């Protein structure tokens, strides 16, 4: 009986070690699952933030393009320096002619 008792104790110790490993692995698995869920949540949040930033950038790009178009339209309406000089010269000539005509009329 002693031999049977001793074998039972060895089996019991072996079983307890196996059980401890299983329980340890189960804790590891639970931690791994929690980490995985956290990673999924983080990825989802990151994707939502990325999409929001992408939309904001697209909106800003549209505004920039609209402003560039407005600037180009305004530039098209503004006379260049050469045109201004030409008009100024014409005005001076007309003023001189007007002045000469006034002198002649006196």
PDB file of N, CA and C in Angstrom:
ATOM      1  N   UNK A   1       0.801  -1.183   0.000  1.00  0.00           N
ATOM      2  CA  UNK A   1       0.000   0.000   0.000  1.00  0.00           C
ATOM      3  C   UNK A   1       0.846   1.250   0.000  1.00  0.00           C
ATOM      4  N   UNK A   2       1.965   1.133   0.650  1.00  0.00           N
ATOM      5  CA  UNK A   2       2.822   2.305   0.678  1.00  0.00           C
ATOM      6  C   UNK A   2       3.257   2.670  -0.733  1.00  0.00           C
ATOM      7  N   UNK A   3       3.567   1.668  -1.511  1.00  0.00           N
ATOM      8  CA  UNK A   3       4.000   1.927  -2.869  1.00  0.00           C
ATOM      9  C   UNK A   3       2.890   2.593  -3.660  1.00  0.00           C
ATOM     10  N   UNK A   4       1.675   2.094  -3.491  1.00  0.00           N
ATOM     11  CA  UNK A   4       0.538   2.707  -4.166  1.00  0.00           C
ATOM     12  C   UNK A   4       0.315   4.123  -3.654  1.00  0.00           C
ATOM     13  N   UNK A   5       0.491   4.335  -2.373  1.00  0.00           N
ATOM     14  CA  UNK A   5       0.326   5.666  -1.792  1.00  0.00           C
ATOM     15  C   UNK A   5       1.355   6.622  -2.348  1.00  0.00           C
ATOM     16  N   UNK A   6       2.575   6.162  -2.506  1.00  0.00           N
ATOM     17  CA  UNK A   6       3.632   7.012  -3.032  1.00  0.00           C
ATOM     18  C   UNK A   6       3.394   7.340  -4.495  1.00  0.00           C
ATOM     19  N   UNK A   7       2.991   6.408  -5.277  1.00  0.00           N
ATOM     20  CA  UNK A   7       2.700   6.642  -6.683  1.00  0.00           C
ATOM     21  C   UNK A   7       1.570   7.640  -6.795  1.00  0.00           C
ATOM     22  N   UNK A   8       0.585   7.532  -5.963  1.00  0.00           N
ATOM     23  CA  UNK A   8      -0.537   8.454  -5.985  1.00  0.00           C
ATOM     24  C   UNK A   8      -0.066   9.877  -5.672  1.00  0.00           C
ATOM     25  N   UNK A   9       0.850  10.010  -4.730  1.00  0.00           N
ATOM     26  CA  UNK A   9       1.367  11.335  -4.381  1.00  0.00           C
ATOM     27  C   UNK A   9       2.165  11.898  -5.554  1.00  0.00           C
ATOM     28  N   UNK A  10       2.975  11.092  -6.191  1.00  0.00           N
ATOM     29  CA  UNK A  10       3.738  11.564  -7.357  1.00  0.00           C
ATOM     30  C   UNK A  10       2.809  11.973  -8.493  1.00  0.00           C
ATOM     31  N   UNK A  11       1.767  11.170  -8.710  1.00  0.00           N
ATOM     32  CA  UNK A  11       0.792  11.531  -9.737  1.00  0.00           C
ATOM     33  C   UNK A  11       0.079  12.827  -9.371  1.00  0.00           C
ATOM     34  N   UNK A  12      -0.230  12.932  -8.098  1.00  0.00           N
ATOM     35  CA  UNK A  12      -0.917  14.140  -7.617  1.00  0.00           C
ATOM     36  C   UNK A  12      -0.029  15.375  -7.816  1.00  0.00           C
ATOM     37  N   UNK A  13       1.236  15.262  -7.503  1.00  0.00           N
ATOM     38  CA  UNK A  13       2.177  16.388  -7.696  1.00  0.00           C
ATOM     39  C   UNK A  13       2.309  16.700  -9.181  1.00  0.00           C
ATOM     40  N   UNK A  14       2.436  15.684  -9.985  1.00  0.00           N
ATOM     41  CA  UNK A  14       2.539  15.877 -11.431  1.00  0.00           C
ATOM     42  C   UNK A  14       1.271  16.540 -11.969  1.00  0.00           C
ATOM     43  N   UNK A  15       0.133  16.064 -11.503  1.00  0.00           N
ATOM     44  CA  UNK A  15      -1.149  16.637 -11.916  1.00  0.00           C
ATOM     45  C   UNK A  15      -1.257  18.090 -11.492  1.00  0.00           C
ATOM     46  N   UNK A  16      -0.817  18.408 -10.285  1.00  0.00           N
ATOM     47  CA  UNK A  16      -0.895  19.795  -9.810  1.00  0.00           C
ATOM     48  C   UNK A  16       0.010  20.710 -10.643  1.00  0.00           C
ATOM     49  N   UNK A  17       1.174  20.189 -11.050  1.00  0.00           N
ATOM     50  CA  UNK A  17       2.056  20.991 -11.914  1.00  0.00           C
ATOM     51  C   UNK A  17       1.391  21.229 -13.283  1.00  0.00           C
ATOM     52  N   UNK A  18       0.796  20.167 -13.823  1.00  0.00           N
ATOM     53  CA  UNK A  18       0.097  20.305 -15.107  1.00  0.00           C
ATOM     54  C   UNK A  18      -1.059  21.289 -14.984  1.00  0.00           C
ATOM     55  N   UNK A  19      -1.799  21.187 -13.903  1.00  0.00           N
ATOM     56  CA  UNK A  19      -2.931  22.083 -13.676  1.00  0.00           C
ATOM     57  C   UNK A  19      -2.463  23.534 -13.546  1.00  0.00           C
ATOM     58  N   UNK A  20      -1.355  23.728 -12.846  1.00  0.00           N
ATOM     59  CA  UNK A  20      -0.803  25.075 -12.699  1.00  0.00           C
ATOM     60  C   UNK A  20      -0.417  25.643 -14.062  1.00  0.00           C
ATOM     61  N   UNK A  21       0.167  24.826 -14.923  1.00  0.00           N
ATOM     62  CA  UNK A  21       0.532  25.285 -16.272  1.00  0.00           C
ATOM     63  C   UNK A  21      -0.701  25.649 -17.088  1.00  0.00           C
ATOM     64  N   UNK A  22      -1.751  24.794 -16.963  1.00  0.00           N
ATOM     65  CA  UNK A  22      -2.990  25.076 -17.693  1.00  0.00           C
ATOM     66  C   UNK A  22      -3.597  26.385 -17.215  1.00  0.00           C
ATOM     67  N   UNK A  23      -3.652  26.562 -15.912  1.00  0.00           N
ATOM     68  CA  UNK A  23      -4.215  27.791 -15.368  1.00  0.00           C
ATOM     69  C   UNK A  23      -3.365  28.994 -15.767  1.00  0.00           C
ATOM     70  N   UNK A  24      -2.068  28.819 -15.743  1.00  0.00           N
ATOM     71  CA  UNK A  24      -1.170  29.893 -16.153  1.00  0.00           C
ATOM     72  C   UNK A  24      -1.401  30.240 -17.609  1.00  0.00           C
ATOM     73  N   UNK A  25      -1.517  29.215 -18.448  1.00  0.00           N
ATOM     74  CA  UNK A  25      -1.763  29.450 -19.869  1.00  0.00           C
ATOM     75  C   UNK A  25      -3.115  30.103 -20.103  1.00  0.00           C
ATOM     76  N   UNK A  26      -4.105  29.750 -19.292  1.00  0.00           N
ATOM     77  CA  UNK A  26      -5.418  30.358 -19.433  1.00  0.00           C
ATOM     78  C   UNK A  26      -5.350  31.837 -19.088  1.00  0.00           C
ATOM     79  N   UNK A  27      -4.585  32.181 -18.063  1.00  0.00           N
ATOM     80  CA  UNK A  27      -4.409  33.596 -17.728  1.00  0.00           C
ATOM     81  C   UNK A  27      -3.713  34.318 -18.869  1.00  0.00           C
ATOM     82  N   UNK A  28      -2.701  33.673 -19.437  1.00  0.00           N
ATOM     83  CA  UNK A  28      -1.997  34.266 -20.577  1.00  0.00           C
ATOM     84  C   UNK A  28      -2.952  34.456 -21.755  1.00  0.00           C
ATOM     85  N   UNK A  29      -3.799  33.464 -21.978  1.00  0.00           N
ATOM     86  CA  UNK A  29      -4.754  33.556 -23.084  1.00  0.00           C
ATOM     87  C   UNK A  29      -5.740  34.688 -22.845  1.00  0.00           C
ATOM     88  N   UNK A  30      -6.193  34.821 -21.595  1.00  0.00           N
ATOM     89  CA  UNK A  30      -7.118  35.918 -21.274  1.00  0.00           C
ATOM     90  C   UNK A  30      -6.448  37.271 -21.473  1.00  0.00           C
ATOM     91  N   UNK A  31      -5.198  37.374 -21.031  1.00  0.00           N
ATOM     92  CA  UNK A  31      -4.471  38.633 -21.219  1.00  0.00           C
ATOM     93  C   UNK A  31      -4.261  38.920 -22.702  1.00  0.00           C
ATOM     94  N   UNK A  32      -3.969  37.864 -23.444  1.00  0.00           N
ATOM     95  CA  UNK A  32      -3.788  38.025 -24.884  1.00  0.00           C
ATOM     96  C   UNK A  32      -5.084  38.482 -25.539  1.00  0.00           C
ATOM     97  N   UNK A  33      -6.201  37.915 -25.136  1.00  0.00           N
ATOM     98  CA  UNK A  33      -7.498  38.305 -25.684  1.00  0.00           C
ATOM     99  C   UNK A  33      -7.814  39.762 -25.321  1.00  0.00           C
ATOM    100  N   UNK A  34      -7.520  40.153 -24.087  1.00  0.00           N
ATOM    101  CA  UNK A  34      -7.744  41.544 -23.686  1.00  0.00           C
ATOM    102  C   UNK A  34      -6.864  42.488 -24.504  1.00  0.00           C
ATOM    103  N   UNK A  35      -5.636  42.084 -24.712  1.00  0.00           N
ATOM    104  CA  UNK A  35      -4.724  42.902 -25.522  1.00  0.00           C
ATOM    105  C   UNK A  35      -5.218  43.008 -26.954  1.00  0.00           C
ATOM    106  N   UNK A  36      -5.705  41.908 -27.482  1.00  0.00           N
ATOM    107  CA  UNK A  36      -6.227  41.901 -28.841  1.00  0.00           C
ATOM    108  C   UNK A  36      -7.449  42.808 -28.962  1.00  0.00           C
ATOM    109  N   UNK A  37      -8.338  42.746 -27.997  1.00  0.00           N
ATOM    110  CA  UNK A  37      -9.514  43.625 -28.007  1.00  0.00           C
ATOM    111  C   UNK A  37      -9.092  45.089 -27.909  1.00  0.00           C
ATOM    112  N   UNK A  38      -8.112  45.366 -27.073  1.00  0.00           N
ATOM    113  CA  UNK A  38      -7.594  46.729 -26.956  1.00  0.00           C
ATOM    114  C   UNK A  38      -6.982  47.206 -28.258  1.00  0.00           C
ATOM    115  N   UNK A  39      -6.252  46.314 -28.915  1.00  0.00           N
ATOM    116  CA  UNK A  39      -5.633  46.658 -30.203  1.00  0.00           C
ATOM    117  C   UNK A  39      -6.702  46.932 -31.261  1.00  0.00           C
ATOM    118  N   UNK A  40      -7.758  46.124 -31.277  1.00  0.00           N
ATOM    119  CA  UNK A  40      -8.854  46.342 -32.224  1.00  0.00           C
ATOM    120  C   UNK A  40      -9.530  47.686 -31.968  1.00  0.00           C
ATOM    121  N   UNK A  41      -9.754  47.994 -30.709  1.00  0.00           N
ATOM    122  CA  UNK A  41     -10.376  49.269 -30.350  1.00  0.00           C
ATOM    123  C   UNK A  41      -9.490  50.438 -30.759  1.00  0.00           C
ATOM    124  N   UNK A  42      -8.194  50.306 -30.489  1.00  0.00           N
ATOM    125  CA  UNK A  42      -7.239  51.353 -30.866  1.00  0.00           C
ATOM    126  C   UNK A  42      -7.193  51.523 -32.377  1.00  0.00           C
ATOM    127  N   UNK A  43      -7.193  50.425 -33.111  1.00  0.00           N
ATOM    128  CA  UNK A  43      -7.171  50.494 -34.569  1.00  0.00           C
ATOM    129  C   UNK A  43      -8.432  51.178 -35.087  1.00  0.00           C
ATOM    130  N   UNK A  44      -9.561  50.857 -34.513  1.00  0.00           N
ATOM    131  CA  UNK A  44     -10.822  51.472 -34.933  1.00  0.00           C
ATOM    132  C   UNK A  44     -10.796  52.979 -34.672  1.00  0.00           C
ATOM    133  N   UNK A  45     -10.308  53.372 -33.498  1.00  0.00           N
ATOM    134  CA  UNK A  45     -10.198  54.798 -33.176  1.00  0.00           C
ATOM    135  C   UNK A  45      -9.245  55.506 -34.129  1.00  0.00           C
ATOM    136  N   UNK A  46      -8.131  54.856 -34.431  1.00  0.00           N
ATOM    137  CA  UNK A  46      -7.151  55.446 -35.353  1.00  0.00           C
ATOM    138  C   UNK A  46      -7.736  55.608 -36.751  1.00  0.00           C
ATOM    139  N   UNK A  47      -8.472  54.617 -37.204  1.00  0.00           N
ATOM    140  CA  UNK A  47      -9.086  54.706 -38.526  1.00  0.00           C
ATOM    141  C   UNK A  47     -10.114  55.835 -38.576  1.00  0.00           C
ATOM    142  N   UNK A  48     -10.892  55.986 -37.504  1.00  0.00           N
ATOM    143  CA  UNK A  48     -11.875  57.075 -37.453  1.00  0.00           C
ATOM    144  C   UNK A  48     -11.176  58.425 -37.452  1.00  0.00           C
ATOM    145  N   UNK A  49     -10.119  58.554 -36.655  1.00  0.00           N
ATOM    146  CA  UNK A  49      -9.349  59.804 -36.623  1.00  0.00           C
ATOM    147  C   UNK A  49      -8.714  60.092 -37.975  1.00  0.00           C
ATOM    148  N   UNK A  50      -8.170  59.063 -38.612  1.00  0.00           N
ATOM    149  CA  UNK A  50      -7.550  59.224 -39.925  1.00  0.00           C
ATOM    150  C   UNK A  50      -8.571  59.722 -40.938  1.00  0.00           C
ATOM    151  N   UNK A  51      -9.758  59.124 -40.926  1.00  0.00           N
ATOM    152  CA  UNK A  51     -10.796  59.531 -41.876  1.00  0.00           C
ATOM    153  C   UNK A  51     -11.214  60.980 -41.620  1.00  0.00           C
ATOM    154  N   UNK A  52     -11.327  61.362 -40.354  1.00  0.00           N
ATOM    155  CA  UNK A  52     -11.692  62.739 -40.013  1.00  0.00           C
ATOM    156  C   UNK A  52     -10.624  63.723 -40.489  1.00  0.00           C
ATOM    157  N   UNK A  53      -9.367  63.395 -40.256  1.00  0.00           N
ATOM    158  CA  UNK A  53      -8.269  64.261 -40.693  1.00  0.00           C
ATOM    159  C   UNK A  53      -8.231  64.330 -42.223  1.00  0.00           C
ATOM    160  N   UNK A  54      -8.447  63.195 -42.873  1.00  0.00           N
ATOM    161  CA  UNK A  54      -8.461  63.161 -44.339  1.00  0.00           C
ATOM    162  C   UNK A  54      -9.562  64.072 -44.883  1.00  0.00           C
ATOM    163  N   UNK A  55     -10.749  64.007 -44.280  1.00  0.00           N
ATOM    164  CA  UNK A  55     -11.849  64.866 -44.715  1.00  0.00           C
ATOM    165  C   UNK A  55     -11.529  66.335 -44.483  1.00  0.00           C
ATOM    166  N   UNK A  56     -10.922  66.651 -43.337  1.00  0.00           N
ATOM    167  CA  UNK A  56     -10.548  68.036 -43.051  1.00  0.00           C
ATOM    168  C   UNK A  56      -9.512  68.538 -44.057  1.00  0.00           C
ATOM    169  N   UNK A  57      -8.549  67.693 -44.388  1.00  0.00           N
ATOM    170  CA  UNK A  57      -7.537  68.074 -45.380  1.00  0.00           C
ATOM    171  C   UNK A  57      -8.163  68.304 -46.752  1.00  0.00           C
ATOM    172  N   UNK A  58      -9.104  67.458 -47.115  1.00  0.00           N
ATOM    173  CA  UNK A  58      -9.783  67.642 -48.401  1.00  0.00           C
ATOM    174  C   UNK A  58     -10.560  68.956 -48.415  1.00  0.00           C
ATOM    175  N   UNK A  59     -11.232  69.270 -47.309  1.00  0.00           N
ATOM    176  CA  UNK A  59     -11.964  70.534 -47.218  1.00  0.00           C
ATOM    177  C   UNK A  59     -11.010  71.713 -47.332  1.00  0.00           C
ATOM    178  N   UNK A  60      -9.874  71.631 -46.645  1.00  0.00           N
ATOM    179  CA  UNK A  60      -8.896  72.717 -46.708  1.00  0.00           C
ATOM    180  C   UNK A  60      -8.322  72.850 -48.117  1.00  0.00           C
ATOM    181  N   UNK A  61      -8.087  71.731 -48.786  1.00  0.00           N
ATOM    182  CA  UNK A  61      -7.573  71.781 -50.155  1.00  0.00           C
ATOM    183  C   UNK A  61      -8.586  72.435 -51.086  1.00  0.00           C
ATOM    184  N   UNK A  62      -9.869  72.135 -50.885  1.00  0.00           N
ATOM    185  CA  UNK A  62     -10.908  72.774 -51.694  1.00  0.00           C
ATOM    186  C   UNK A  62     -10.913  74.283 -51.465  1.00  0.00           C
ATOM    187  N   UNK A  63     -10.760  74.707 -50.205  1.00  0.00           N
ATOM    188  CA  UNK A  63     -10.712  76.136 -49.897  1.00  0.00           C
ATOM    189  C   UNK A  63      -9.488  76.787 -50.536  1.00  0.00           C
ATOM    190  N   UNK A  64      -8.355  76.104 -50.464  1.00  0.00           N
ATOM    191  CA  UNK A  64      -7.117  76.635 -51.071  1.00  0.00           C
ATOM    192  C   UNK A  64      -7.305  76.790 -52.575  1.00  0.00           C
ATOM    193  N   UNK A  65      -7.892  75.770 -53.206  1.00  0.00           N
ATOM    194  CA  UNK A  65      -8.120  75.830 -54.651  1.00  0.00           C
ATOM    195  C   UNK A  65      -9.064  76.977 -55.008  1.00  0.00           C
ATOM    196  N   UNK A  66     -10.107  77.165 -54.198  1.00  0.00           N
ATOM    197  CA  UNK A  66     -11.052  78.253 -54.451  1.00  0.00           C
ATOM    198  C   UNK A  66     -10.359  79.607 -54.311  1.00  0.00           C
ATOM    199  N   UNK A  67      -9.499  79.749 -53.302  1.00  0.00           N
ATOM    200  CA  UNK A  67      -8.760  81.002 -53.117  1.00  0.00           C
ATOM    201  C   UNK A  67      -7.790  81.243 -54.271  1.00  0.00           C
ATOM    202  N   UNK A  68      -7.123  80.188 -54.723  1.00  0.00           N
ATOM    203  CA  UNK A  68      -6.219  80.335 -55.861  1.00  0.00           C
ATOM    204  C   UNK A  68      -6.982  80.802 -57.094  1.00  0.00           C
ATOM    205  N   UNK A  69      -8.165  80.231 -57.293  1.00  0.00           N
ATOM    206  CA  UNK A  69      -8.991  80.626 -58.432  1.00  0.00           C
ATOM    207  C   UNK A  69      -9.384  82.099 -58.303  1.00  0.00           C
ATOM    208  N   UNK A  70      -9.774  82.514 -57.098  1.00  0.00           N
ATOM    209  CA  UNK A  70     -10.139  83.917 -56.877  1.00  0.00           C
ATOM    210  C   UNK A  70      -8.948  84.836 -57.139  1.00  0.00           C
ATOM    211  N   UNK A  71      -7.778  84.423 -56.709  1.00  0.00           N
ATOM    212  CA  UNK A  71      -6.567  85.224 -56.930  1.00  0.00           C
ATOM    213  C   UNK A  71      -6.278  85.340 -58.422  1.00  0.00           C
ATOM    214  N   UNK A  72      -6.388  84.227 -59.139  1.00  0.00           N
ATOM    215  CA  UNK A  72      -6.139  84.249 -60.581  1.00  0.00           C
ATOM    216  C   UNK A  72      -7.147  85.147 -61.296  1.00  0.00           C
ATOM    217  N   UNK A  73      -8.408  85.090 -60.873  1.00  0.00           N
ATOM    218  CA  UNK A  73      -9.426  85.948 -61.472  1.00  0.00           C
ATOM    219  C   UNK A  73      -9.129  87.421 -61.183  1.00  0.00           C
ATOM    220  N   UNK A  74      -8.707  87.704 -59.949  1.00  0.00           N
ATOM    221  CA  UNK A  74      -8.385  89.086 -59.581  1.00  0.00           C
ATOM    222  C   UNK A  74      -7.169  89.580 -60.369  1.00  0.00           C
ATOM    223  N   UNK A  75      -6.190  88.707 -60.543  1.00  0.00           N
ATOM    224  CA  UNK A  75      -5.004  89.080 -61.326  1.00  0.00           C
ATOM    225  C   UNK A  75      -5.383  89.375 -62.770  1.00  0.00           C
ATOM    226  N   UNK A  76      -6.323  88.618 -63.302  1.00  0.00           N
ATOM    227  CA  UNK A  76      -6.745  88.813 -64.686  1.00  0.00           C
ATOM    228  C   UNK A  76      -7.432  90.170 -64.849  1.00  0.00           C
ATOM    229  N   UNK A  77      -8.097  90.627 -63.800  1.00  0.00           N
ATOM    230  CA  UNK A  77      -8.806  91.905 -63.858  1.00  0.00           C
ATOM    231  C   UNK A  77      -7.880  93.096 -63.643  1.00  0.00           C
ATOM    232  N   UNK A  78      -6.786  92.896 -62.963  1.00  0.00           N
ATOM    233  CA  UNK A  78      -5.860  93.987 -62.663  1.00  0.00           C
ATOM    234  C   UNK A  78      -4.983  94.252 -63.878  1.00  0.00           C
ATOM    235  N   UNK A  79      -4.804  95.540 -64.173  1.00  0.00           N
ATOM    236  CA  UNK A  79      -3.945  95.909 -65.289  1.00  0.00           C
ATOM    237  C   UNK A  79      -2.487  95.721 -64.903  1.00  0.00           C
ATOM    238  N   UNK A  80      -1.689  95.324 -65.864  1.00  0.00           N
ATOM    239  CA  UNK A  80      -0.264  95.181 -65.616  1.00  0.00           C
ATOM    240  C   UNK A  80       0.415  96.541 -65.584  1.00  0.00           C
ATOM    241  N   UNK A  81       1.672  96.571 -65.153  1.00  0.00           N
ATOM    242  CA  UNK A  81       2.441  97.819 -65.072  1.00  0.00           C
ATOM    243  C   UNK A  81       2.563  98.492 -66.437  1.00  0.00           C
ATOM    244  N   UNK A  82       2.776  97.713 -67.479  1.00  0.00           N
ATOM    245  CA  UNK A  82       2.903  98.272 -68.823  1.00  0.00           C
ATOM    246  C   UNK A  82       1.607  98.948 -69.239  1.00  0.00           C
ATOM    247  N   UNK A  83       0.509  98.290 -68.952  1.00  0.00           N
ATOM    248  CA  UNK A  83      -0.792  98.874 -69.296  1.00  0.00           C
ATOM    249  C   UNK A  83      -1.023 100.160 -68.522  1.00  0.00           C
ATOM    250  N   UNK A  84      -0.663 100.166 -67.244  1.00  0.00           N
ATOM    251  CA  UNK A  84      -0.828 101.373 -66.428  1.00  0.00           C
ATOM    252  C   UNK A  84       0.052 102.508 -66.952  1.00  0.00           C
ATOM    253  N   UNK A  85       1.289 102.193 -67.313  1.00  0.00           N
ATOM    254  CA  UNK A  85       2.186 103.213 -67.865  1.00  0.00           C
ATOM    255  C   UNK A  85       1.630 103.786 -69.160  1.00  0.00           C
ATOM    256  N   UNK A  86       1.105 102.908 -69.990  1.00  0.00           N
ATOM    257  CA  UNK A  86       0.535 103.340 -71.264  1.00  0.00           C
ATOM    258  C   UNK A  86      -0.661 104.265 -71.041  1.00  0.00           C
ATOM    259  N   UNK A  87      -1.534 103.886 -70.148  1.00  0.00           N
ATOM    260  CA  UNK A  87      -2.710 104.712 -69.842  1.00  0.00           C
ATOM    261  C   UNK A  87      -2.279 106.034 -69.219  1.00  0.00           C
ATOM    262  N   UNK A  88      -1.288 105.986 -68.350  1.00  0.00           N
ATOM    263  CA  UNK A  88      -0.786 107.216 -67.720  1.00  0.00           C
ATOM    264  C   UNK A  88      -0.206 108.160 -68.778  1.00  0.00           C
ATOM    265  N   UNK A  89       0.542 107.618 -69.718  1.00  0.00           N
ATOM    266  CA  UNK A  89       1.102 108.430 -70.805  1.00  0.00           C
ATOM    267  C   UNK A  89      -0.011 109.058 -71.645  1.00  0.00           C
ATOM    268  N   UNK A  90      -1.034 108.265 -71.944  1.00  0.00           N
ATOM    269  CA  UNK A  90      -2.159 108.799 -72.720  1.00  0.00           C
ATOM    270  C   UNK A  90      -2.853 109.924 -71.961  1.00  0.00           C
ATOM    271  N   UNK A  91      -3.020 109.737 -70.657  1.00  0.00           N
ATOM    272  CA  UNK A  91      -3.652 110.769 -69.836  1.00  0.00           C
ATOM    273  C   UNK A  91      -2.827 112.046 -69.838  1.00  0.00           C
ATOM    274  N   UNK A  92      -1.518 111.908 -69.707  1.00  0.00           N
ATOM    275  CA  UNK A  92      -0.642 113.079 -69.727  1.00  0.00           C
ATOM    276  C   UNK A  92      -0.728 113.810 -71.068  1.00  0.00           C
ATOM    277  N   UNK A  93      -0.781 113.042 -72.148  1.00  0.00           N
ATOM    278  CA  UNK A  93      -0.895 113.664 -73.467  1.00  0.00           C
ATOM    279  C   UNK A  93      -2.208 114.413 -73.601  1.00  0.00           C
ATOM    280  N   UNK A  94      -3.276 113.800 -73.117  1.00  0.00           N
ATOM    281  CA  UNK A  94      -4.578 114.459 -73.192  1.00  0.00           C
ATOM    282  C   UNK A  94      -4.600 115.718 -72.326  1.00  0.00           C
ATOM    283  N   UNK A  95      -3.959 115.649 -71.170  1.00  0.00           N
ATOM    284  CA  UNK A  95      -3.892 116.843 -70.308  1.00  0.00           C
ATOM    285  C   UNK A  95      -3.098 117.953 -70.991  1.00  0.00           C
ATOM    286  N   UNK A  96      -2.013 117.596 -71.653  1.00  0.00           N
ATOM    287  CA  UNK A  96      -1.224 118.587 -72.376  1.00  0.00           C
ATOM    288  C   UNK A  96      -2.058 119.220 -73.494  1.00  0.00           C
ATOM    289  N   UNK A  97      -2.789 118.384 -74.229  1.00  0.00           N
ATOM    290  CA  UNK A  97      -3.646 118.889 -75.296  1.00  0.00           C
ATOM    291  C   UNK A  97      -4.705 119.829 -74.725  1.00  0.00           C
ATOM    292  N   UNK A  98      -5.275 119.409 -73.605  1.00  0.00           N
ATOM    293  CA  UNK A  98      -6.288 120.251 -72.956  1.00  0.00           C
ATOM    294  C   UNK A  98      -5.688 121.564 -72.501  1.00  0.00           C
ATOM    295  N   UNK A  99      -4.504 121.510 -72.003  1.00  0.00           N
ATOM    296  CA  UNK A  99      -3.822 122.727 -71.536  1.00  0.00           C
ATOM    297  C   UNK A  99      -3.526 123.640 -72.728  1.00  0.00           C
ATOM    298  N   UNK A 100      -3.081 123.097 -73.836  1.00  0.00           N
ATOM    299  CA  UNK A 100      -2.799 123.859 -75.038  1.00  0.00           C
ATOM    300  C   UNK A 100      -4.077 124.504 -75.581  1.00  0.00           C
ATOM    301  N   UNK A 101      -5.164 123.759 -75.554  1.00  0.00           N
ATOM    302  CA  UNK A 101      -6.426 124.296 -76.026  1.00  0.00           C
ATOM    303  C   UNK A 101      -6.904 125.448 -75.152  1.00  0.00           C
ATOM    304  N   UNK A 102      -6.687 125.297 -73.840  1.00  0.00           N
ATOM    305  CA  UNK A 102      -7.061 126.385 -72.918  1.00  0.00           C
ATOM    306  C   UNK A 102      -6.225 127.622 -73.213  1.00  0.00           C
ATOM    307  N   UNK A 103      -4.934 127.427 -73.464  1.00  0.00           N
ATOM    308  CA  UNK A 103      -4.058 128.559 -73.791  1.00  0.00           C
ATOM    309  C   UNK A 103      -4.497 129.228 -75.088  1.00  0.00           C
ATOM    310  N   UNK A 104      -4.890 128.451 -76.065  1.00  0.00           N
ATOM    311  CA  UNK A 104      -5.316 129.004 -77.345  1.00  0.00           C
ATOM    312  C   UNK A 104      -6.600 129.795 -77.185  1.00  0.00           C
ATOM    313  N   UNK A 105      -7.486 129.303 -76.325  1.00  0.00           N
ATOM    314  CA  UNK A 105      -8.760 129.976 -76.116  1.00  0.00           C
ATOM    315  C   UNK A 105      -8.573 131.287 -75.355  1.00  0.00           C
ATOM    316  N   UNK A 106      -7.600 131.515 -74.657  1.00  0.00           N
ATOM    317  CA  UNK A 106      -7.364 132.738 -73.899  1.00  0.00           C
ATOM    318  C   UNK A 106      -6.837 133.741 -74.828  1.00  0.00           C
TER     319      UNK A 106
END
